[in-house]
C-alpha atoms as a PDB file:
ATOM      1  CA  UNK A   1     -11.877   4.200  13.045  1.00  0.00           C
ATOM      2  CA  UNK A   2     -10.975   5.285   8.742  1.00  0.00           C
ATOM      3  CA  UNK A   3      -7.534   3.918   8.105  1.00  0.00           C
ATOM      4  CA  UNK A   4      -6.259   7.317   7.009  1.00  0.00           C
ATOM      5  CA  UNK A   5      -6.269   8.284  10.679  1.00  0.00           C
ATOM      6  CA  UNK A   6      -4.031   4.821  11.561  1.00  0.00           C
ATOM      7  CA  UNK A   7      -0.553   5.099  11.832  1.00  0.00           C
ATOM      8  CA  UNK A   8       1.229   2.388  10.091  1.00  0.00           C
ATOM      9  CA  UNK A   9       3.050   0.286  14.098  1.00  0.00           C
ATOM     10  CA  UNK A  10       6.497  -1.088  13.166  1.00  0.00           C
ATOM     11  CA  UNK A  11       7.015  -4.396  12.824  1.00  0.00           C
ATOM     12  CA  UNK A  12       9.475  -6.384  13.763  1.00  0.00           C
ATOM     13  CA  UNK A  13       7.499 -10.077  12.846  1.00  0.00           C
ATOM     14  CA  UNK A  14       5.937 -11.751  15.288  1.00  0.00           C
ATOM     15  CA  UNK A  15       2.662 -10.096  14.481  1.00  0.00           C
ATOM     16  CA  UNK A  16       0.288 -13.130  12.428  1.00  0.00           C
ATOM     17  CA  UNK A  17      -0.871 -12.103   9.233  1.00  0.00           C
ATOM     18  CA  UNK A  18      -3.979 -11.795   8.365  1.00  0.00           C
ATOM     19  CA  UNK A  19      -6.148 -14.603   7.112  1.00  0.00           C
ATOM     20  CA  UNK A  20      -8.593 -13.878   4.262  1.00  0.00           C
ATOM     21  CA  UNK A  21     -11.607 -13.288   5.428  1.00  0.00           C
ATOM     22  CA  UNK A  22      -9.394 -10.072   8.120  1.00  0.00           C
ATOM     23  CA  UNK A  23      -7.899  -9.058   4.264  1.00  0.00           C
ATOM     24  CA  UNK A  24     -11.510  -9.306   2.790  1.00  0.00           C
ATOM     25  CA  UNK A  25     -12.602  -6.773   5.104  1.00  0.00           C
ATOM     26  CA  UNK A  26      -9.954  -4.866   4.621  1.00  0.00           C
ATOM     27  CA  UNK A  27     -10.127  -4.168   0.851  1.00  0.00           C
ATOM     28  CA  UNK A  28     -13.537  -3.078   1.481  1.00  0.00           C
ATOM     29  CA  UNK A  29     -12.407  -0.264   3.196  1.00  0.00           C
ATOM     30  CA  UNK A  30      -9.471   0.504  -0.129  1.00  0.00           C
ATOM     31  CA  UNK A  31     -10.379   1.781  -3.705  1.00  0.00           C
ATOM     32  CA  UNK A  32      -8.785  -0.396  -7.109  1.00  0.00           C
ATOM     33  CA  UNK A  33      -6.815  -2.184  -5.304  1.00  0.00           C
ATOM     34  CA  UNK A  34      -6.233  -6.566  -5.488  1.00  0.00           C
ATOM     35  CA  UNK A  35      -4.433  -9.405  -3.549  1.00  0.00           C
ATOM     36  CA  UNK A  36      -2.000 -10.800  -5.727  1.00  0.00           C
ATOM     37  CA  UNK A  37       0.659 -13.811  -4.522  1.00  0.00           C
ATOM     38  CA  UNK A  38       3.518 -15.787  -5.850  1.00  0.00           C
ATOM     39  CA  UNK A  39       3.834 -17.075  -2.121  1.00  0.00           C
ATOM     40  CA  UNK A  40       2.974 -14.715  -0.191  1.00  0.00           C
ATOM     41  CA  UNK A  41      -0.029 -12.529  -0.317  1.00  0.00           C
ATOM     42  CA  UNK A  42       0.435  -8.916  -1.812  1.00  0.00           C
ATOM     43  CA  UNK A  43      -1.580  -5.478  -2.685  1.00  0.00           C
ATOM     44  CA  UNK A  44      -1.746  -4.048  -5.525  1.00  0.00           C
ATOM     45  CA  UNK A  45      -2.457  -0.935  -7.636  1.00  0.00           C
ATOM     46  CA  UNK A  46      -1.937   0.786 -10.672  1.00  0.00           C
ATOM     47  CA  UNK A  47      -2.137   4.329 -10.549  1.00  0.00           C
ATOM     48  CA  UNK A  48      -2.710   5.960 -13.952  1.00  0.00           C
ATOM     49  CA  UNK A  49      -1.409   9.777 -14.503  1.00  0.00           C
ATOM     50  CA  UNK A  50      -1.582  12.449 -17.658  1.00  0.00           C
ATOM     51  CA  UNK A  51       2.373  12.454 -17.873  1.00  0.00           C
ATOM     52  CA  UNK A  52       5.805  11.514 -16.562  1.00  0.00           C
ATOM     53  CA  UNK A  53       5.917  14.003 -14.010  1.00  0.00           C
ATOM     54  CA  UNK A  54       2.977  14.018 -12.793  1.00  0.00           C
ATOM     55  CA  UNK A  55       3.873  10.247 -12.389  1.00  0.00           C
ATOM     56  CA  UNK A  56       6.798  12.028 -10.432  1.00  0.00           C
ATOM     57  CA  UNK A  57       4.834  14.196  -8.489  1.00  0.00           C
ATOM     58  CA  UNK A  58       2.700  11.179  -6.925  1.00  0.00           C
ATOM     59  CA  UNK A  59       5.540   9.390  -6.080  1.00  0.00           C
ATOM     60  CA  UNK A  60       7.214  12.370  -5.003  1.00  0.00           C
ATOM     61  CA  UNK A  61       4.363  12.274  -2.680  1.00  0.00           C
ATOM     62  CA  UNK A  62       4.485   8.693  -1.762  1.00  0.00           C
ATOM     63  CA  UNK A  63       7.978   8.538  -0.314  1.00  0.00           C
ATOM     64  CA  UNK A  64       7.115  11.196   2.106  1.00  0.00           C
ATOM     65  CA  UNK A  65       4.347   9.219   2.670  1.00  0.00           C
ATOM     66  CA  UNK A  66       5.935   6.149   3.856  1.00  0.00           C
ATOM     67  CA  UNK A  67       9.434   7.223   5.748  1.00  0.00           C
ATOM     68  CA  UNK A  68       6.328   9.155   7.719  1.00  0.00           C
ATOM     69  CA  UNK A  69       4.805   5.726   8.302  1.00  0.00           C
ATOM     70  CA  UNK A  70       7.994   4.083   8.109  1.00  0.00           C
ATOM     71  CA  UNK A  71       6.686   1.369   6.244  1.00  0.00           C
ATOM     72  CA  UNK A  72       7.620   1.057   2.356  1.00  0.00           C
ATOM     73  CA  UNK A  73       5.571  -0.555  -0.868  1.00  0.00           C
ATOM     74  CA  UNK A  74       7.933  -1.493  -4.241  1.00  0.00           C
ATOM     75  CA  UNK A  75       6.753   0.759  -7.355  1.00  0.00           C
ATOM     76  CA  UNK A  76       7.926   0.276 -10.900  1.00  0.00           C
ATOM     77  CA  UNK A  77       6.907   3.837 -12.972  1.00  0.00           C
ATOM     78  CA  UNK A  78       5.813   3.443 -16.211  1.00  0.00           C
ATOM     79  CA  UNK A  79       6.291   6.777 -17.381  1.00  0.00           C
ATOM     80  CA  UNK A  80       2.683   7.638 -16.976  1.00  0.00           C
ATOM     81  CA  UNK A  81       1.913   4.582 -14.709  1.00  0.00           C
ATOM     82  CA  UNK A  82       2.805   3.570 -11.323  1.00  0.00           C
ATOM     83  CA  UNK A  83       2.123   0.223 -10.459  1.00  0.00           C
ATOM     84  CA  UNK A  84       2.608   0.074  -6.218  1.00  0.00           C
ATOM     85  CA  UNK A  85       3.622  -4.086  -4.474  1.00  0.00           C
ATOM     86  CA  UNK A  86       3.098  -3.331  -0.684  1.00  0.00           C
ATOM     87  CA  UNK A  87       3.503  -6.259   1.717  1.00  0.00           C
ATOM     88  CA  UNK A  88       4.817  -6.490   5.593  1.00  0.00           C
ATOM     89  CA  UNK A  89       7.953  -8.583   4.486  1.00  0.00           C
ATOM     90  CA  UNK A  90       8.637  -9.466   8.517  1.00  0.00           C
ATOM     91  CA  UNK A  91       5.346 -11.672   8.474  1.00  0.00           C
ATOM     92  CA  UNK A  92       5.407 -12.676   4.336  1.00  0.00           C
ATOM     93  CA  UNK A  93       2.050 -11.518   4.215  1.00  0.00           C
ATOM     94  CA  UNK A  94      -0.510  -8.489   4.810  1.00  0.00           C
ATOM     95  CA  UNK A  95      -0.993  -6.893   8.079  1.00  0.00           C
ATOM     96  CA  UNK A  96      -3.516  -3.722   8.873  1.00  0.00           C
ATOM     97  CA  UNK A  97       0.026  -1.741   7.759  1.00  0.00           C
ATOM     98  CA  UNK A  98       0.136  -2.783   4.113  1.00  0.00           C
ATOM     99  CA  UNK A  99      -3.691  -0.970   4.512  1.00  0.00           C
ATOM    100  CA  UNK A 100      -3.746   2.188   5.975  1.00  0.00           C
ATOM    101  CA  UNK A 101      -0.818   3.024   3.580  1.00  0.00           C
ATOM    102  CA  UNK A 102      -3.167   1.586   0.754  1.00  0.00           C
ATOM    103  CA  UNK A 103      -5.485   4.513   1.680  1.00  0.00           C
ATOM    104  CA  UNK A 104      -3.127   7.289   3.077  1.00  0.00           C
ATOM    105  CA  UNK A 105      -1.251   6.791  -0.606  1.00  0.00           C
ATOM    106  CA  UNK A 106      -5.338   7.267  -2.141  1.00  0.00           C
ATOM    107  CA  UNK A 107      -5.986  10.146  -0.818  1.00  0.00           C
ATOM    108  CA  UNK A 108      -3.095  11.733  -2.017  1.00  0.00           C
ATOM    109  CA  UNK A 109      -5.386  11.792  -4.977  1.00  0.00           C
ATOM    110  CA  UNK A 110      -8.174  12.777  -2.798  1.00  0.00           C
END
């Protein structure tokens, strides 16, 4: 099943973080995302747009998807660029939910 066909599962902790082999497998299923680490593994991607309004339209769609999935990314808008960071706060690391959300955000632009 494709990541975009899955639904984020509520996580209140107690779920193990993904290990490096699982992260590498999931990274192959999402384009342009990278893992960053500042004590916690996180997914990061910068989306580029033609202008501010296009960037904000993406942010609006991202907010709708995040609410629907119950999984909310951190983001920062820089005029025509949107930086997005995703991780599962409850487990201080990455879970399958993070990759599901990443795939669904990418699908907005497909």
